[in-house]
PDB file of N, CA and C in Angstrom:
ATOM      1  N   MET A   1      16.981   4.677  13.987  1.00  0.00           N
ATOM      2  CA  MET A   1      17.146   3.269  13.698  1.00  0.00           C
ATOM      3  C   MET A   1      18.617   3.038  13.351  1.00  0.00           C
ATOM      4  N   ASP A   2      19.213   2.077  14.014  1.00  0.00           N
ATOM      5  CA  ASP A   2      20.620   1.801  13.715  1.00  0.00           C
ATOM      6  C   ASP A   2      20.741   1.002  12.417  1.00  0.00           C
ATOM      7  N   GLU A   3      21.963   0.862  11.968  1.00  0.00           N
ATOM      8  CA  GLU A   3      22.213   0.230  10.667  1.00  0.00           C
ATOM      9  C   GLU A   3      21.752  -1.227  10.628  1.00  0.00           C
ATOM     10  N   ALA A   4      21.978  -1.966  11.716  1.00  0.00           N
ATOM     11  CA  ALA A   4      21.575  -3.373  11.746  1.00  0.00           C
ATOM     12  C   ALA A   4      20.051  -3.505  11.689  1.00  0.00           C
ATOM     13  N   ALA A   5      19.352  -2.646  12.410  1.00  0.00           N
ATOM     14  CA  ALA A   5      17.887  -2.689  12.404  1.00  0.00           C
ATOM     15  C   ALA A   5      17.350  -2.302  11.037  1.00  0.00           C
ATOM     16  N   ALA A   6      17.973  -1.320  10.406  1.00  0.00           N
ATOM     17  CA  ALA A   6      17.548  -0.906   9.067  1.00  0.00           C
ATOM     18  C   ALA A   6      17.757  -2.035   8.066  1.00  0.00           C
ATOM     19  N   GLN A   7      18.864  -2.737   8.177  1.00  0.00           N
ATOM     20  CA  GLN A   7      19.153  -3.862   7.288  1.00  0.00           C
ATOM     21  C   GLN A   7      18.133  -4.984   7.494  1.00  0.00           C
ATOM     22  N   THR A   8      17.810  -5.263   8.742  1.00  0.00           N
ATOM     23  CA  THR A   8      16.817  -6.296   9.042  1.00  0.00           C
ATOM     24  C   THR A   8      15.446  -5.913   8.488  1.00  0.00           C
ATOM     25  N   ALA A   9      15.073  -4.642   8.648  1.00  0.00           N
ATOM     26  CA  ALA A   9      13.791  -4.170   8.133  1.00  0.00           C
ATOM     27  C   ALA A   9      13.747  -4.302   6.614  1.00  0.00           C
ATOM     28  N   TRP A  10      14.843  -3.922   5.959  1.00  0.00           N
ATOM     29  CA  TRP A  10      14.896  -4.024   4.496  1.00  0.00           C
ATOM     30  C   TRP A  10      14.788  -5.477   4.037  1.00  0.00           C
ATOM     31  N   GLU A  11      15.499  -6.380   4.722  1.00  0.00           N
ATOM     32  CA  GLU A  11      15.458  -7.795   4.363  1.00  0.00           C
ATOM     33  C   GLU A  11      14.059  -8.368   4.583  1.00  0.00           C
ATOM     34  N   SER A  12      13.401  -7.949   5.658  1.00  0.00           N
ATOM     35  CA  SER A  12      12.040  -8.420   5.932  1.00  0.00           C
ATOM     36  C   SER A  12      11.075  -7.946   4.850  1.00  0.00           C
ATOM     37  N   LEU A  13      11.194  -6.675   4.465  1.00  0.00           N
ATOM     38  CA  LEU A  13      10.338  -6.137   3.409  1.00  0.00           C
ATOM     39  C   LEU A  13      10.606  -6.859   2.097  1.00  0.00           C
ATOM     40  N   ASP A  14      11.864  -7.116   1.802  1.00  0.00           N
ATOM     41  CA  ASP A  14      12.210  -7.817   0.567  1.00  0.00           C
ATOM     42  C   ASP A  14      11.607  -9.226   0.556  1.00  0.00           C
ATOM     43  N   LEU A  15      11.682  -9.913   1.684  1.00  0.00           N
ATOM     44  CA  LEU A  15      11.099 -11.257   1.789  1.00  0.00           C
ATOM     45  C   LEU A  15       9.588 -11.207   1.619  1.00  0.00           C
ATOM     46  N   LEU A  16       8.929 -10.251   2.275  1.00  0.00           N
ATOM     47  CA  LEU A  16       7.475 -10.120   2.133  1.00  0.00           C
ATOM     48  C   LEU A  16       7.086  -9.763   0.697  1.00  0.00           C
ATOM     49  N   PHE A  17       7.923  -8.970   0.034  1.00  0.00           N
ATOM     50  CA  PHE A  17       7.645  -8.626  -1.356  1.00  0.00           C
ATOM     51  C   PHE A  17       7.740  -9.869  -2.243  1.00  0.00           C
ATOM     52  N   HIS A  18       8.714 -10.722  -1.985  1.00  0.00           N
ATOM     53  CA  HIS A  18       8.823 -11.966  -2.753  1.00  0.00           C
ATOM     54  C   HIS A  18       7.606 -12.858  -2.513  1.00  0.00           C
ATOM     55  N   ILE A  19       7.175 -12.957  -1.262  1.00  0.00           N
ATOM     56  CA  ILE A  19       5.981 -13.746  -0.949  1.00  0.00           C
ATOM     57  C   ILE A  19       4.762 -13.148  -1.662  1.00  0.00           C
ATOM     58  N   SER A  20       4.668 -11.832  -1.636  1.00  0.00           N
ATOM     59  CA  SER A  20       3.570 -11.132  -2.306  1.00  0.00           C
ATOM     60  C   SER A  20       3.558 -11.446  -3.798  1.00  0.00           C
ATOM     61  N   ASN A  21       4.730 -11.491  -4.405  1.00  0.00           N
ATOM     62  CA  ASN A  21       4.817 -11.818  -5.836  1.00  0.00           C
ATOM     63  C   ASN A  21       4.432 -13.267  -6.107  1.00  0.00           C
ATOM     64  N   ILE A  22       4.855 -14.168  -5.231  1.00  0.00           N
ATOM     65  CA  ILE A  22       4.492 -15.583  -5.391  1.00  0.00           C
ATOM     66  C   ILE A  22       2.975 -15.745  -5.316  1.00  0.00           C
ATOM     67  N   LEU A  23       2.352 -14.979  -4.418  1.00  0.00           N
ATOM     68  CA  LEU A  23       0.899 -15.048  -4.262  1.00  0.00           C
ATOM     69  C   LEU A  23       0.166 -14.212  -5.305  1.00  0.00           C
ATOM     70  N   ASP A  24       0.929 -13.549  -6.157  1.00  0.00           N
ATOM     71  CA  ASP A  24       0.380 -12.741  -7.247  1.00  0.00           C
ATOM     72  C   ASP A  24      -0.624 -11.694  -6.743  1.00  0.00           C
ATOM     73  N   THR A  25      -0.198 -10.931  -5.722  1.00  0.00           N
ATOM     74  CA  THR A  25      -1.072  -9.917  -5.140  1.00  0.00           C
ATOM     75  C   THR A  25      -1.165  -8.659  -5.996  1.00  0.00           C
ATOM     76  N   GLY A  26      -0.153  -8.423  -6.837  1.00  0.00           N
ATOM     77  CA  GLY A  26      -0.149  -7.217  -7.655  1.00  0.00           C
ATOM     78  C   GLY A  26       0.309  -5.984  -6.902  1.00  0.00           C
ATOM     79  N   LEU A  27       0.825  -6.163  -5.694  1.00  0.00           N
ATOM     80  CA  LEU A  27       1.282  -5.028  -4.890  1.00  0.00           C
ATOM     81  C   LEU A  27       2.734  -4.708  -5.218  1.00  0.00           C
ATOM     82  N   ASP A  28       3.035  -3.413  -5.354  1.00  0.00           N
ATOM     83  CA  ASP A  28       4.434  -3.036  -5.517  1.00  0.00           C
ATOM     84  C   ASP A  28       5.067  -2.911  -4.131  1.00  0.00           C
ATOM     85  N   GLN A  29       6.377  -2.747  -4.105  1.00  0.00           N
ATOM     86  CA  GLN A  29       7.093  -2.744  -2.833  1.00  0.00           C
ATOM     87  C   GLN A  29       6.696  -1.549  -1.959  1.00  0.00           C
ATOM     88  N   HIS A  30       6.448  -0.403  -2.570  1.00  0.00           N
ATOM     89  CA  HIS A  30       6.057   0.769  -1.790  1.00  0.00           C
ATOM     90  C   HIS A  30       4.690   0.560  -1.140  1.00  0.00           C
ATOM     91  N   THR A  31       3.731   0.062  -1.913  1.00  0.00           N
ATOM     92  CA  THR A  31       2.394  -0.178  -1.376  1.00  0.00           C
ATOM     93  C   THR A  31       2.446  -1.194  -0.251  1.00  0.00           C
ATOM     94  N   LEU A  32       3.224  -2.233  -0.449  1.00  0.00           N
ATOM     95  CA  LEU A  32       3.376  -3.255   0.581  1.00  0.00           C
ATOM     96  C   LEU A  32       3.954  -2.653   1.856  1.00  0.00           C
ATOM     97  N   SER A  33       4.949  -1.786   1.724  1.00  0.00           N
ATOM     98  CA  SER A  33       5.551  -1.174   2.918  1.00  0.00           C
ATOM     99  C   SER A  33       4.554  -0.263   3.628  1.00  0.00           C
ATOM    100  N   VAL A  34       3.706   0.429   2.877  1.00  0.00           N
ATOM    101  CA  VAL A  34       2.672   1.271   3.492  1.00  0.00           C
ATOM    102  C   VAL A  34       1.671   0.404   4.249  1.00  0.00           C
ATOM    103  N   LEU A  35       1.262  -0.704   3.644  1.00  0.00           N
ATOM    104  CA  LEU A  35       0.324  -1.604   4.309  1.00  0.00           C
ATOM    105  C   LEU A  35       0.919  -2.199   5.582  1.00  0.00           C
ATOM    106  N   ILE A  36       2.188  -2.543   5.546  1.00  0.00           N
ATOM    107  CA  ILE A  36       2.858  -3.069   6.737  1.00  0.00           C
ATOM    108  C   ILE A  36       2.897  -2.001   7.820  1.00  0.00           C
ATOM    109  N   ALA A  37       3.219  -0.769   7.438  1.00  0.00           N
ATOM    110  CA  ALA A  37       3.267   0.331   8.412  1.00  0.00           C
ATOM    111  C   ALA A  37       1.891   0.555   9.043  1.00  0.00           C
ATOM    112  N   LEU A  38       0.831   0.468   8.235  1.00  0.00           N
ATOM    113  CA  LEU A  38      -0.516   0.640   8.768  1.00  0.00           C
ATOM    114  C   LEU A  38      -0.859  -0.478   9.759  1.00  0.00           C
ATOM    115  N   CYS A  39      -0.443  -1.697   9.452  1.00  0.00           N
ATOM    116  CA  CYS A  39      -0.650  -2.803  10.390  1.00  0.00           C
ATOM    117  C   CYS A  39       0.127  -2.562  11.678  1.00  0.00           C
ATOM    118  N   ASP A  40       1.353  -2.064  11.547  1.00  0.00           N
ATOM    119  CA  ASP A  40       2.161  -1.753  12.733  1.00  0.00           C
ATOM    120  C   ASP A  40       1.502  -0.693  13.599  1.00  0.00           C
ATOM    121  N   LEU A  41       0.725   0.194  12.981  1.00  0.00           N
ATOM    122  CA  LEU A  41       0.017   1.236  13.728  1.00  0.00           C
ATOM    123  C   LEU A  41      -1.280   0.726  14.356  1.00  0.00           C
ATOM    124  N   GLY A  42      -1.618  -0.524  14.068  1.00  0.00           N
ATOM    125  CA  GLY A  42      -2.768  -1.131  14.714  1.00  0.00           C
ATOM    126  C   GLY A  42      -4.003  -1.293  13.851  1.00  0.00           C
ATOM    127  N   LEU A  43      -3.911  -0.946  12.562  1.00  0.00           N
ATOM    128  CA  LEU A  43      -5.070  -1.144  11.699  1.00  0.00           C
ATOM    129  C   LEU A  43      -5.293  -2.632  11.482  1.00  0.00           C
ATOM    130  N   ASN A  44      -6.540  -2.993  11.301  1.00  0.00           N
ATOM    131  CA  ASN A  44      -6.919  -4.380  11.120  1.00  0.00           C
ATOM    132  C   ASN A  44      -6.446  -4.878   9.751  1.00  0.00           C
ATOM    133  N   PRO A  45      -5.577  -5.899   9.716  1.00  0.00           N
ATOM    134  CA  PRO A  45      -5.064  -6.407   8.439  1.00  0.00           C
ATOM    135  C   PRO A  45      -6.160  -6.930   7.514  1.00  0.00           C
ATOM    136  N   GLU A  46      -7.191  -7.528   8.074  1.00  0.00           N
ATOM    137  CA  GLU A  46      -8.276  -8.041   7.237  1.00  0.00           C
ATOM    138  C   GLU A  46      -9.048  -6.896   6.596  1.00  0.00           C
ATOM    139  N   ALA A  47      -9.237  -5.810   7.331  1.00  0.00           N
ATOM    140  CA  ALA A  47      -9.918  -4.641   6.770  1.00  0.00           C
ATOM    141  C   ALA A  47      -9.068  -4.022   5.659  1.00  0.00           C
ATOM    142  N   LEU A  48      -7.761  -3.938   5.883  1.00  0.00           N
ATOM    143  CA  LEU A  48      -6.865  -3.416   4.848  1.00  0.00           C
ATOM    144  C   LEU A  48      -6.911  -4.293   3.601  1.00  0.00           C
ATOM    145  N   ALA A  49      -6.912  -5.604   3.799  1.00  0.00           N
ATOM    146  CA  ALA A  49      -6.978  -6.522   2.663  1.00  0.00           C
ATOM    147  C   ALA A  49      -8.267  -6.315   1.876  1.00  0.00           C
ATOM    148  N   ALA A  50      -9.370  -6.099   2.579  1.00  0.00           N
ATOM    149  CA  ALA A  50     -10.639  -5.868   1.902  1.00  0.00           C
ATOM    150  C   ALA A  50     -10.599  -4.584   1.079  1.00  0.00           C
ATOM    151  N   VAL A  51      -9.979  -3.542   1.622  1.00  0.00           N
ATOM    152  CA  VAL A  51      -9.860  -2.271   0.901  1.00  0.00           C
ATOM    153  C   VAL A  51      -8.996  -2.452  -0.337  1.00  0.00           C
ATOM    154  N   VAL A  52      -7.868  -3.142  -0.187  1.00  0.00           N
ATOM    155  CA  VAL A  52      -6.971  -3.373  -1.327  1.00  0.00           C
ATOM    156  C   VAL A  52      -7.694  -4.157  -2.418  1.00  0.00           C
ATOM    157  N   LYS A  53      -8.410  -5.205  -2.042  1.00  0.00           N
ATOM    158  CA  LYS A  53      -9.152  -5.997  -3.030  1.00  0.00           C
ATOM    159  C   LYS A  53     -10.176  -5.137  -3.759  1.00  0.00           C
ATOM    160  N   GLU A  54     -10.865  -4.289  -3.016  1.00  0.00           N
ATOM    161  CA  GLU A  54     -11.878  -3.424  -3.628  1.00  0.00           C
ATOM    162  C   GLU A  54     -11.227  -2.436  -4.593  1.00  0.00           C
ATOM    163  N   LEU A  55     -10.111  -1.856  -4.199  1.00  0.00           N
ATOM    164  CA  LEU A  55      -9.425  -0.906  -5.072  1.00  0.00           C
ATOM    165  C   LEU A  55      -8.859  -1.588  -6.316  1.00  0.00           C
ATOM    166  N   GLN A  56      -8.400  -2.807  -6.179  1.00  0.00           N
ATOM    167  CA  GLN A  56      -7.887  -3.533  -7.339  1.00  0.00           C
ATOM    168  C   GLN A  56      -9.017  -3.925  -8.282  1.00  0.00           C
ATOM    169  N   ARG A  57     -10.177  -4.182  -7.729  1.00  0.00           N
ATOM    170  CA  ARG A  57     -11.322  -4.576  -8.551  1.00  0.00           C
ATOM    171  C   ARG A  57     -11.857  -3.390  -9.348  1.00  0.00           C
ATOM    172  N   ASP A  58     -11.931  -2.232  -8.718  1.00  0.00           N
ATOM    173  CA  ASP A  58     -12.461  -1.033  -9.362  1.00  0.00           C
ATOM    174  C   ASP A  58     -11.586   0.149  -8.962  1.00  0.00           C
ATOM    175  N   PRO A  59     -10.455   0.344  -9.642  1.00  0.00           N
ATOM    176  CA  PRO A  59      -9.464   1.331  -9.202  1.00  0.00           C
ATOM    177  C   PRO A  59      -9.871   2.789  -9.373  1.00  0.00           C
ATOM    178  N   SER A  60     -10.903   3.078 -10.144  1.00  0.00           N
ATOM    179  CA  SER A  60     -11.228   4.490 -10.361  1.00  0.00           C
ATOM    180  C   SER A  60     -12.694   4.801 -10.072  1.00  0.00           C
ATOM    181  N   PRO A  61     -13.070   4.816  -8.796  1.00  0.00           N
ATOM    182  CA  PRO A  61     -14.460   5.124  -8.484  1.00  0.00           C
ATOM    183  C   PRO A  61     -14.784   6.604  -8.656  1.00  0.00           C
ATOM    184  N   PHE A  62     -13.775   7.436  -8.817  1.00  0.00           N
ATOM    185  CA  PHE A  62     -13.972   8.872  -8.965  1.00  0.00           C
ATOM    186  C   PHE A  62     -13.730   9.267 -10.415  1.00  0.00           C
ATOM    187  N   PRO A  63     -14.348  10.358 -10.846  1.00  0.00           N
ATOM    188  CA  PRO A  63     -14.109  10.814 -12.223  1.00  0.00           C
ATOM    189  C   PRO A  63     -12.628  11.120 -12.433  1.00  0.00           C
ATOM    190  N   SER A  64     -12.161  10.876 -13.648  1.00  0.00           N
ATOM    191  CA  SER A  64     -10.741  11.091 -13.917  1.00  0.00           C
ATOM    192  C   SER A  64     -10.380  12.565 -13.952  1.00  0.00           C
ATOM    193  N   THR A  65     -11.349  13.423 -14.213  1.00  0.00           N
ATOM    194  CA  THR A  65     -11.086  14.855 -14.202  1.00  0.00           C
ATOM    195  C   THR A  65     -11.949  15.503 -13.139  1.00  0.00           C
ATOM    196  N   LEU A  66     -11.312  16.222 -12.287  1.00  0.00           N
ATOM    197  CA  LEU A  66     -12.029  16.938 -11.252  1.00  0.00           C
ATOM    198  C   LEU A  66     -12.285  18.347 -11.716  1.00  0.00           C
ATOM    199  N   THR A  67     -13.461  18.838 -11.463  1.00  0.00           N
ATOM    200  CA  THR A  67     -13.766  20.209 -11.857  1.00  0.00           C
ATOM    201  C   THR A  67     -13.330  21.142 -10.763  1.00  0.00           C
ATOM    202  N   ARG A  68     -12.716  22.220 -11.160  1.00  0.00           N
ATOM    203  CA  ARG A  68     -12.274  23.237 -10.210  1.00  0.00           C
ATOM    204  C   ARG A  68     -13.253  24.388 -10.267  1.00  0.00           C
ATOM    205  N   PRO A  69     -13.451  25.042  -9.147  1.00  0.00           N
ATOM    206  CA  PRO A  69     -14.301  26.216  -9.204  1.00  0.00           C
ATOM    207  C   PRO A  69     -13.661  27.287 -10.052  1.00  0.00           C
ATOM    208  N   ALA A  70     -14.482  28.044 -10.724  1.00  0.00           N
ATOM    209  CA  ALA A  70     -13.954  29.120 -11.573  1.00  0.00           C
ATOM    210  C   ALA A  70     -13.192  30.119 -10.716  1.00  0.00           C
ATOM    211  N   SER A  71     -12.019  30.480 -11.179  1.00  0.00           N
ATOM    212  CA  SER A  71     -11.231  31.442 -10.418  1.00  0.00           C
ATOM    213  C   SER A  71     -11.722  32.848 -10.704  1.00  0.00           C
ATOM    214  N   THR A  72     -11.653  33.654  -9.706  1.00  0.00           N
ATOM    215  CA  THR A  72     -12.089  35.035  -9.880  1.00  0.00           C
ATOM    216  C   THR A  72     -10.872  35.895 -10.140  1.00  0.00           C
ATOM    217  N   PRO A  73     -10.982  36.801 -11.119  1.00  0.00           N
ATOM    218  CA  PRO A  73      -9.813  37.644 -11.454  1.00  0.00           C
ATOM    219  C   PRO A  73      -9.484  38.631 -10.378  1.00  0.00           C
TER     220      PRO A  73
END
């Protein structure tokens, strides 16, 4: 990616992050960039939005401590 394209990409992400903040999505810039990349790869944006909403509603569906199998000496 050349410098001009990188600058444009950064400005676009910054603008989308500002829009995200105005809409009070609760997404940080890294998460937003990952979601944009997934959309660029062809994932359905509505499906991604549904997943994000579900994760924000109940962020810890798994136990906070995972049990490891006992190690053998």
